[in-house]
């Protein structure tokens, strides 16, 4: 059974962290992990497992994003993303 969880998260990454590192960390999860960011009134969405999508999202320190995880390990995946983005 698939589970769906969402949470608004403020991005706080250390200078040594990159979003690509997070993408590699979450590859082991079965859930789909979607990041949404509003830019000048438009919603931009990217699958965290897609490098191209992440590059286009252009996450920056202080961004407010919505993280949505859908799948059998959604809660664990959300916790992993939140822990990485808010060290």
PDB file of N, CA and C in Angstrom:
ATOM      1  N   UNK A   1       0.837  -1.191   0.000  1.00  0.00           N
ATOM      2  CA  UNK A   1       0.000   0.000   0.000  1.00  0.00           C
ATOM      3  C   UNK A   1       0.879   1.251   0.000  1.00  0.00           C
ATOM      4  N   UNK A   2       0.577   2.181  -0.867  1.00  0.00           N
ATOM      5  CA  UNK A   2       1.356   3.414  -0.945  1.00  0.00           C
ATOM      6  C   UNK A   2       0.877   4.427   0.072  1.00  0.00           C
ATOM      7  N   UNK A   3       1.824   5.098   0.625  1.00  0.00           N
ATOM      8  CA  UNK A   3       1.582   6.134   1.609  1.00  0.00           C
ATOM      9  C   UNK A   3       1.963   7.458   0.970  1.00  0.00           C
ATOM     10  N   UNK A   4       1.295   8.544   1.355  1.00  0.00           N
ATOM     11  CA  UNK A   4       1.638   9.867   0.849  1.00  0.00           C
ATOM     12  C   UNK A   4       1.785  10.804   2.030  1.00  0.00           C
ATOM     13  N   UNK A   5       2.936  11.464   2.112  1.00  0.00           N
ATOM     14  CA  UNK A   5       3.190  12.441   3.160  1.00  0.00           C
ATOM     15  C   UNK A   5       3.789  13.692   2.531  1.00  0.00           C
ATOM     16  N   UNK A   6       3.459  14.841   3.107  1.00  0.00           N
ATOM     17  CA  UNK A   6       3.987  16.121   2.613  1.00  0.00           C
ATOM     18  C   UNK A   6       4.372  16.995   3.786  1.00  0.00           C
ATOM     19  N   UNK A   7       5.335  17.863   3.545  1.00  0.00           N
ATOM     20  CA  UNK A   7       5.744  18.804   4.580  1.00  0.00           C
ATOM     21  C   UNK A   7       6.415  20.004   3.923  1.00  0.00           C
ATOM     22  N   UNK A   8       6.139  21.186   4.464  1.00  0.00           N
ATOM     23  CA  UNK A   8       6.842  22.384   4.018  1.00  0.00           C
ATOM     24  C   UNK A   8       8.166  22.458   4.763  1.00  0.00           C
ATOM     25  N   UNK A   9       9.231  22.710   4.025  1.00  0.00           N
ATOM     26  CA  UNK A   9      10.573  22.714   4.591  1.00  0.00           C
ATOM     27  C   UNK A   9      11.314  23.952   4.100  1.00  0.00           C
ATOM     28  N   UNK A  10      12.060  24.572   4.995  1.00  0.00           N
ATOM     29  CA  UNK A  10      12.921  25.688   4.606  1.00  0.00           C
ATOM     30  C   UNK A  10      14.322  25.121   4.376  1.00  0.00           C
ATOM     31  N   UNK A  11      14.916  25.469   3.270  1.00  0.00           N
ATOM     32  CA  UNK A  11      16.218  24.928   2.885  1.00  0.00           C
ATOM     33  C   UNK A  11      17.329  25.611   3.681  1.00  0.00           C
ATOM     34  N   UNK A  12      18.072  24.794   4.414  1.00  0.00           N
ATOM     35  CA  UNK A  12      19.273  25.248   5.144  1.00  0.00           C
ATOM     36  C   UNK A  12      20.343  24.204   4.914  1.00  0.00           C
ATOM     37  N   UNK A  13      21.176  24.430   3.936  1.00  0.00           N
ATOM     38  CA  UNK A  13      22.231  23.470   3.637  1.00  0.00           C
ATOM     39  C   UNK A  13      23.585  24.070   3.968  1.00  0.00           C
ATOM     40  N   UNK A  14      24.484  23.207   4.435  1.00  0.00           N
ATOM     41  CA  UNK A  14      25.858  23.631   4.690  1.00  0.00           C
ATOM     42  C   UNK A  14      26.519  23.926   3.349  1.00  0.00           C
ATOM     43  N   UNK A  15      27.541  24.756   3.374  1.00  0.00           N
ATOM     44  CA  UNK A  15      28.235  25.116   2.131  1.00  0.00           C
ATOM     45  C   UNK A  15      28.807  23.894   1.430  1.00  0.00           C
ATOM     46  N   UNK A  16      29.128  22.863   2.191  1.00  0.00           N
ATOM     47  CA  UNK A  16      29.739  21.672   1.606  1.00  0.00           C
ATOM     48  C   UNK A  16      28.701  20.697   1.036  1.00  0.00           C
ATOM     49  N   UNK A  17      27.404  20.936   1.298  1.00  0.00           N
ATOM     50  CA  UNK A  17      26.354  20.053   0.806  1.00  0.00           C
ATOM     51  C   UNK A  17      25.879  20.486  -0.570  1.00  0.00           C
ATOM     52  N   UNK A  18      25.474  19.490  -1.366  1.00  0.00           N
ATOM     53  CA  UNK A  18      24.850  19.796  -2.649  1.00  0.00           C
ATOM     54  C   UNK A  18      23.567  18.986  -2.765  1.00  0.00           C
ATOM     55  N   UNK A  19      22.632  19.483  -3.546  1.00  0.00           N
ATOM     56  CA  UNK A  19      21.368  18.792  -3.753  1.00  0.00           C
ATOM     57  C   UNK A  19      21.604  17.459  -4.465  1.00  0.00           C
ATOM     58  N   UNK A  20      22.687  17.359  -5.230  1.00  0.00           N
ATOM     59  CA  UNK A  20      23.012  16.105  -5.902  1.00  0.00           C
ATOM     60  C   UNK A  20      23.364  15.023  -4.885  1.00  0.00           C
ATOM     61  N   UNK A  21      24.008  15.409  -3.784  1.00  0.00           N
ATOM     62  CA  UNK A  21      24.301  14.449  -2.715  1.00  0.00           C
ATOM     63  C   UNK A  21      23.002  13.883  -2.151  1.00  0.00           C
ATOM     64  N   UNK A  22      22.039  14.754  -1.924  1.00  0.00           N
ATOM     65  CA  UNK A  22      20.751  14.306  -1.409  1.00  0.00           C
ATOM     66  C   UNK A  22      20.086  13.356  -2.398  1.00  0.00           C
ATOM     67  N   UNK A  23      20.153  13.675  -3.671  1.00  0.00           N
ATOM     68  CA  UNK A  23      19.561  12.822  -4.691  1.00  0.00           C
ATOM     69  C   UNK A  23      20.180  11.423  -4.651  1.00  0.00           C
ATOM     70  N   UNK A  24      21.474  11.347  -4.448  1.00  0.00           N
ATOM     71  CA  UNK A  24      22.141  10.048  -4.365  1.00  0.00           C
ATOM     72  C   UNK A  24      21.732   9.295  -3.102  1.00  0.00           C
ATOM     73  N   UNK A  25      21.606   9.997  -1.987  1.00  0.00           N
ATOM     74  CA  UNK A  25      21.224   9.381  -0.716  1.00  0.00           C
ATOM     75  C   UNK A  25      19.848   8.732  -0.812  1.00  0.00           C
ATOM     76  N   UNK A  26      18.902   9.378  -1.476  1.00  0.00           N
ATOM     77  CA  UNK A  26      17.522   8.884  -1.486  1.00  0.00           C
ATOM     78  C   UNK A  26      17.257   7.865  -2.602  1.00  0.00           C
ATOM     79  N   UNK A  27      18.242   7.563  -3.419  1.00  0.00           N
ATOM     80  CA  UNK A  27      18.044   6.579  -4.494  1.00  0.00           C
ATOM     81  C   UNK A  27      17.619   5.216  -3.950  1.00  0.00           C
ATOM     82  N   UNK A  28      17.975   4.915  -2.706  1.00  0.00           N
ATOM     83  CA  UNK A  28      17.633   3.611  -2.132  1.00  0.00           C
ATOM     84  C   UNK A  28      16.164   3.504  -1.726  1.00  0.00           C
ATOM     85  N   UNK A  29      15.457   4.629  -1.675  1.00  0.00           N
ATOM     86  CA  UNK A  29      14.036   4.605  -1.303  1.00  0.00           C
ATOM     87  C   UNK A  29      13.181   4.239  -2.516  1.00  0.00           C
ATOM     88  N   UNK A  30      12.111   3.488  -2.261  1.00  0.00           N
ATOM     89  CA  UNK A  30      11.184   3.114  -3.327  1.00  0.00           C
ATOM     90  C   UNK A  30      10.214   4.242  -3.656  1.00  0.00           C
ATOM     91  N   UNK A  31      10.004   5.144  -2.721  1.00  0.00           N
ATOM     92  CA  UNK A  31       9.028   6.227  -2.893  1.00  0.00           C
ATOM     93  C   UNK A  31       9.484   7.248  -3.926  1.00  0.00           C
ATOM     94  N   UNK A  32       8.493   7.876  -4.552  1.00  0.00           N
ATOM     95  CA  UNK A  32       8.759   9.040  -5.393  1.00  0.00           C
ATOM     96  C   UNK A  32       8.846  10.236  -4.454  1.00  0.00           C
ATOM     97  N   UNK A  33       9.810  11.105  -4.695  1.00  0.00           N
ATOM     98  CA  UNK A  33      10.011  12.265  -3.831  1.00  0.00           C
ATOM     99  C   UNK A  33       9.975  13.506  -4.716  1.00  0.00           C
ATOM    100  N   UNK A  34       8.961  14.324  -4.493  1.00  0.00           N
ATOM    101  CA  UNK A  34       8.732  15.502  -5.331  1.00  0.00           C
ATOM    102  C   UNK A  34       8.991  16.767  -4.510  1.00  0.00           C
ATOM    103  N   UNK A  35       9.756  17.681  -5.078  1.00  0.00           N
ATOM    104  CA  UNK A  35       9.991  18.977  -4.455  1.00  0.00           C
ATOM    105  C   UNK A  35       9.241  20.031  -5.251  1.00  0.00           C
ATOM    106  N   UNK A  36       8.519  20.920  -4.544  1.00  0.00           N
ATOM    107  CA  UNK A  36       7.797  22.016  -5.196  1.00  0.00           C
ATOM    108  C   UNK A  36       8.283  23.332  -4.619  1.00  0.00           C
ATOM    109  N   UNK A  37       8.483  24.288  -5.511  1.00  0.00           N
ATOM    110  CA  UNK A  37       8.960  25.609  -5.127  1.00  0.00           C
ATOM    111  C   UNK A  37       8.193  26.636  -5.945  1.00  0.00           C
ATOM    112  N   UNK A  38       7.740  27.702  -5.308  1.00  0.00           N
ATOM    113  CA  UNK A  38       7.036  28.771  -6.009  1.00  0.00           C
ATOM    114  C   UNK A  38       8.040  29.873  -6.346  1.00  0.00           C
ATOM    115  N   UNK A  39       8.115  30.202  -7.631  1.00  0.00           N
ATOM    116  CA  UNK A  39       9.017  31.252  -8.103  1.00  0.00           C
ATOM    117  C   UNK A  39       8.189  32.268  -8.871  1.00  0.00           C
ATOM    118  N   UNK A  40       8.110  33.473  -8.354  1.00  0.00           N
ATOM    119  CA  UNK A  40       7.358  34.565  -8.979  1.00  0.00           C
ATOM    120  C   UNK A  40       5.949  34.126  -9.361  1.00  0.00           C
ATOM    121  N   UNK A  41       5.289  33.425  -8.440  1.00  0.00           N
ATOM    122  CA  UNK A  41       3.906  33.012  -8.657  1.00  0.00           C
ATOM    123  C   UNK A  41       3.714  31.737  -9.442  1.00  0.00           C
ATOM    124  N   UNK A  42       4.791  31.165  -9.967  1.00  0.00           N
ATOM    125  CA  UNK A  42       4.700  29.915 -10.729  1.00  0.00           C
ATOM    126  C   UNK A  42       5.247  28.760  -9.895  1.00  0.00           C
ATOM    127  N   UNK A  43       4.558  27.633  -9.946  1.00  0.00           N
ATOM    128  CA  UNK A  43       5.009  26.461  -9.206  1.00  0.00           C
ATOM    129  C   UNK A  43       5.990  25.664 -10.061  1.00  0.00           C
ATOM    130  N   UNK A  44       7.170  25.433  -9.512  1.00  0.00           N
ATOM    131  CA  UNK A  44       8.176  24.600 -10.160  1.00  0.00           C
ATOM    132  C   UNK A  44       8.268  23.311  -9.365  1.00  0.00           C
ATOM    133  N   UNK A  45       8.278  22.190 -10.073  1.00  0.00           N
ATOM    134  CA  UNK A  45       8.239  20.886  -9.439  1.00  0.00           C
ATOM    135  C   UNK A  45       9.329  20.002 -10.022  1.00  0.00           C
ATOM    136  N   UNK A  46       9.982  19.204  -9.161  1.00  0.00           N
ATOM    137  CA  UNK A  46      11.021  18.300  -9.642  1.00  0.00           C
ATOM    138  C   UNK A  46      11.014  17.023  -8.826  1.00  0.00           C
ATOM    139  N   UNK A  47      11.278  15.921  -9.503  1.00  0.00           N
ATOM    140  CA  UNK A  47      11.460  14.646  -8.835  1.00  0.00           C
ATOM    141  C   UNK A  47      12.880  14.634  -8.293  1.00  0.00           C
ATOM    142  N   UNK A  48      13.027  14.365  -7.007  1.00  0.00           N
ATOM    143  CA  UNK A  48      14.345  14.412  -6.374  1.00  0.00           C
ATOM    144  C   UNK A  48      15.303  13.371  -6.946  1.00  0.00           C
ATOM    145  N   UNK A  49      14.778  12.354  -7.580  1.00  0.00           N
ATOM    146  CA  UNK A  49      15.637  11.338  -8.179  1.00  0.00           C
ATOM    147  C   UNK A  49      16.089  11.713  -9.588  1.00  0.00           C
ATOM    148  N   UNK A  50      15.645  12.852 -10.097  1.00  0.00           N
ATOM    149  CA  UNK A  50      16.007  13.320 -11.438  1.00  0.00           C
ATOM    150  C   UNK A  50      17.021  14.456 -11.341  1.00  0.00           C
ATOM    151  N   UNK A  51      18.245  14.210 -11.801  1.00  0.00           N
ATOM    152  CA  UNK A  51      19.285  15.237 -11.742  1.00  0.00           C
ATOM    153  C   UNK A  51      18.890  16.476 -12.542  1.00  0.00           C
ATOM    154  N   UNK A  52      18.344  16.280 -13.730  1.00  0.00           N
ATOM    155  CA  UNK A  52      17.961  17.416 -14.575  1.00  0.00           C
ATOM    156  C   UNK A  52      16.873  18.253 -13.908  1.00  0.00           C
ATOM    157  N   UNK A  53      15.894  17.582 -13.315  1.00  0.00           N
ATOM    158  CA  UNK A  53      14.834  18.300 -12.619  1.00  0.00           C
ATOM    159  C   UNK A  53      15.373  19.134 -11.470  1.00  0.00           C
ATOM    160  N   UNK A  54      16.338  18.594 -10.750  1.00  0.00           N
ATOM    161  CA  UNK A  54      16.925  19.321  -9.619  1.00  0.00           C
ATOM    162  C   UNK A  54      17.711  20.537 -10.072  1.00  0.00           C
ATOM    163  N   UNK A  55      18.416  20.391 -11.160  1.00  0.00           N
ATOM    164  CA  UNK A  55      19.181  21.522 -11.692  1.00  0.00           C
ATOM    165  C   UNK A  55      18.227  22.653 -12.074  1.00  0.00           C
ATOM    166  N   UNK A  56      17.113  22.312 -12.706  1.00  0.00           N
ATOM    167  CA  UNK A  56      16.137  23.317 -13.113  1.00  0.00           C
ATOM    168  C   UNK A  56      15.436  23.964 -11.924  1.00  0.00           C
ATOM    169  N   UNK A  57      15.327  23.251 -10.806  1.00  0.00           N
ATOM    170  CA  UNK A  57      14.662  23.781  -9.622  1.00  0.00           C
ATOM    171  C   UNK A  57      15.481  24.894  -8.959  1.00  0.00           C
ATOM    172  N   UNK A  58      16.788  24.797  -9.051  1.00  0.00           N
ATOM    173  CA  UNK A  58      17.712  25.807  -8.515  1.00  0.00           C
ATOM    174  C   UNK A  58      17.428  26.148  -7.051  1.00  0.00           C
ATOM    175  N   UNK A  59      17.507  25.158  -6.205  1.00  0.00           N
ATOM    176  CA  UNK A  59      17.310  25.391  -4.777  1.00  0.00           C
ATOM    177  C   UNK A  59      18.420  26.261  -4.227  1.00  0.00           C
ATOM    178  N   UNK A  60      18.039  27.186  -3.349  1.00  0.00           N
ATOM    179  CA  UNK A  60      18.991  28.091  -2.731  1.00  0.00           C
ATOM    180  C   UNK A  60      18.730  28.142  -1.232  1.00  0.00           C
ATOM    181  N   UNK A  61      19.730  28.544  -0.494  1.00  0.00           N
ATOM    182  CA  UNK A  61      19.608  28.714   0.949  1.00  0.00           C
ATOM    183  C   UNK A  61      18.417  29.617   1.263  1.00  0.00           C
ATOM    184  N   UNK A  62      17.563  29.165   2.166  1.00  0.00           N
ATOM    185  CA  UNK A  62      16.412  29.959   2.586  1.00  0.00           C
ATOM    186  C   UNK A  62      15.145  29.732   1.792  1.00  0.00           C
ATOM    187  N   UNK A  63      15.217  28.968   0.687  1.00  0.00           N
ATOM    188  CA  UNK A  63      14.014  28.671  -0.100  1.00  0.00           C
ATOM    189  C   UNK A  63      12.996  27.910   0.743  1.00  0.00           C
ATOM    190  N   UNK A  64      11.736  28.214   0.517  1.00  0.00           N
ATOM    191  CA  UNK A  64      10.635  27.461   1.136  1.00  0.00           C
ATOM    192  C   UNK A  64      10.140  26.475   0.085  1.00  0.00           C
ATOM    193  N   UNK A  65      10.168  25.186   0.409  1.00  0.00           N
ATOM    194  CA  UNK A  65       9.730  24.171  -0.543  1.00  0.00           C
ATOM    195  C   UNK A  65       8.721  23.237   0.121  1.00  0.00           C
ATOM    196  N   UNK A  66       7.959  22.558  -0.715  1.00  0.00           N
ATOM    197  CA  UNK A  66       7.087  21.498  -0.231  1.00  0.00           C
ATOM    198  C   UNK A  66       7.689  20.182  -0.689  1.00  0.00           C
ATOM    199  N   UNK A  67       7.880  19.270   0.247  1.00  0.00           N
ATOM    200  CA  UNK A  67       8.401  17.947  -0.057  1.00  0.00           C
ATOM    201  C   UNK A  67       7.240  16.962   0.045  1.00  0.00           C
ATOM    202  N   UNK A  68       6.984  16.225  -1.026  1.00  0.00           N
ATOM    203  CA  UNK A  68       5.931  15.211  -1.037  1.00  0.00           C
ATOM    204  C   UNK A  68       6.555  13.873  -1.391  1.00  0.00           C
ATOM    205  N   UNK A  69       6.283  12.873  -0.564  1.00  0.00           N
ATOM    206  CA  UNK A  69       6.797  11.523  -0.794  1.00  0.00           C
ATOM    207  C   UNK A  69       5.617  10.571  -0.941  1.00  0.00           C
ATOM    208  N   UNK A  70       5.667   9.750  -1.980  1.00  0.00           N
ATOM    209  CA  UNK A  70       4.588   8.806  -2.259  1.00  0.00           C
ATOM    210  C   UNK A  70       5.193   7.426  -2.476  1.00  0.00           C
ATOM    211  N   UNK A  71       4.803   6.477  -1.632  1.00  0.00           N
ATOM    212  CA  UNK A  71       5.300   5.123  -1.785  1.00  0.00           C
ATOM    213  C   UNK A  71       5.332   4.379  -0.465  1.00  0.00           C
ATOM    214  N   UNK A  72       5.850   3.166  -0.490  1.00  0.00           N
ATOM    215  CA  UNK A  72       5.817   2.322   0.699  1.00  0.00           C
ATOM    216  C   UNK A  72       6.706   2.809   1.850  1.00  0.00           C
ATOM    217  N   UNK A  73       7.730   3.596   1.537  1.00  0.00           N
ATOM    218  CA  UNK A  73       8.627   4.103   2.580  1.00  0.00           C
ATOM    219  C   UNK A  73       8.625   5.637   2.610  1.00  0.00           C
ATOM    220  N   UNK A  74       7.461   6.212   2.335  1.00  0.00           N
ATOM    221  CA  UNK A  74       7.327   7.667   2.206  1.00  0.00           C
ATOM    222  C   UNK A  74       7.737   8.416   3.468  1.00  0.00           C
ATOM    223  N   UNK A  75       7.294   7.943   4.631  1.00  0.00           N
ATOM    224  CA  UNK A  75       7.607   8.648   5.879  1.00  0.00           C
ATOM    225  C   UNK A  75       9.112   8.680   6.138  1.00  0.00           C
ATOM    226  N   UNK A  76       9.786   7.560   5.891  1.00  0.00           N
ATOM    227  CA  UNK A  76      11.235   7.505   6.095  1.00  0.00           C
ATOM    228  C   UNK A  76      11.960   8.402   5.090  1.00  0.00           C
ATOM    229  N   UNK A  77      11.482   8.397   3.855  1.00  0.00           N
ATOM    230  CA  UNK A  77      12.094   9.232   2.818  1.00  0.00           C
ATOM    231  C   UNK A  77      11.946  10.712   3.166  1.00  0.00           C
ATOM    232  N   UNK A  78      10.765  11.103   3.628  1.00  0.00           N
ATOM    233  CA  UNK A  78      10.536  12.500   4.012  1.00  0.00           C
ATOM    234  C   UNK A  78      11.471  12.894   5.143  1.00  0.00           C
ATOM    235  N   UNK A  79      11.624  12.033   6.118  1.00  0.00           N
ATOM    236  CA  UNK A  79      12.519  12.334   7.242  1.00  0.00           C
ATOM    237  C   UNK A  79      13.959  12.504   6.765  1.00  0.00           C
ATOM    238  N   UNK A  80      14.386  11.665   5.836  1.00  0.00           N
ATOM    239  CA  UNK A  80      15.754  11.755   5.284  1.00  0.00           C
ATOM    240  C   UNK A  80      15.962  13.089   4.574  1.00  0.00           C
ATOM    241  N   UNK A  81      15.001  13.505   3.760  1.00  0.00           N
ATOM    242  CA  UNK A  81      15.103  14.772   3.037  1.00  0.00           C
ATOM    243  C   UNK A  81      15.126  15.942   4.022  1.00  0.00           C
ATOM    244  N   UNK A  82      14.227  15.906   4.986  1.00  0.00           N
ATOM    245  CA  UNK A  82      14.154  16.984   5.978  1.00  0.00           C
ATOM    246  C   UNK A  82      15.453  17.091   6.776  1.00  0.00           C
ATOM    247  N   UNK A  83      16.004  15.968   7.187  1.00  0.00           N
ATOM    248  CA  UNK A  83      17.260  15.959   7.938  1.00  0.00           C
ATOM    249  C   UNK A  83      18.402  16.551   7.113  1.00  0.00           C
ATOM    250  N   UNK A  84      18.437  16.226   5.829  1.00  0.00           N
ATOM    251  CA  UNK A  84      19.506  16.736   4.959  1.00  0.00           C
ATOM    252  C   UNK A  84      19.368  18.249   4.752  1.00  0.00           C
ATOM    253  N   UNK A  85      18.155  18.715   4.539  1.00  0.00           N
ATOM    254  CA  UNK A  85      17.945  20.135   4.217  1.00  0.00           C
ATOM    255  C   UNK A  85      17.951  21.043   5.440  1.00  0.00           C
ATOM    256  N   UNK A  86      17.827  20.459   6.621  1.00  0.00           N
ATOM    257  CA  UNK A  86      17.832  21.264   7.846  1.00  0.00           C
ATOM    258  C   UNK A  86      18.799  20.669   8.859  1.00  0.00           C
ATOM    259  N   UNK A  87      20.103  20.680   8.543  1.00  0.00           N
ATOM    260  CA  UNK A  87      21.086  20.046   9.436  1.00  0.00           C
ATOM    261  C   UNK A  87      21.224  20.775  10.769  1.00  0.00           C
TER     262      UNK A  87
END
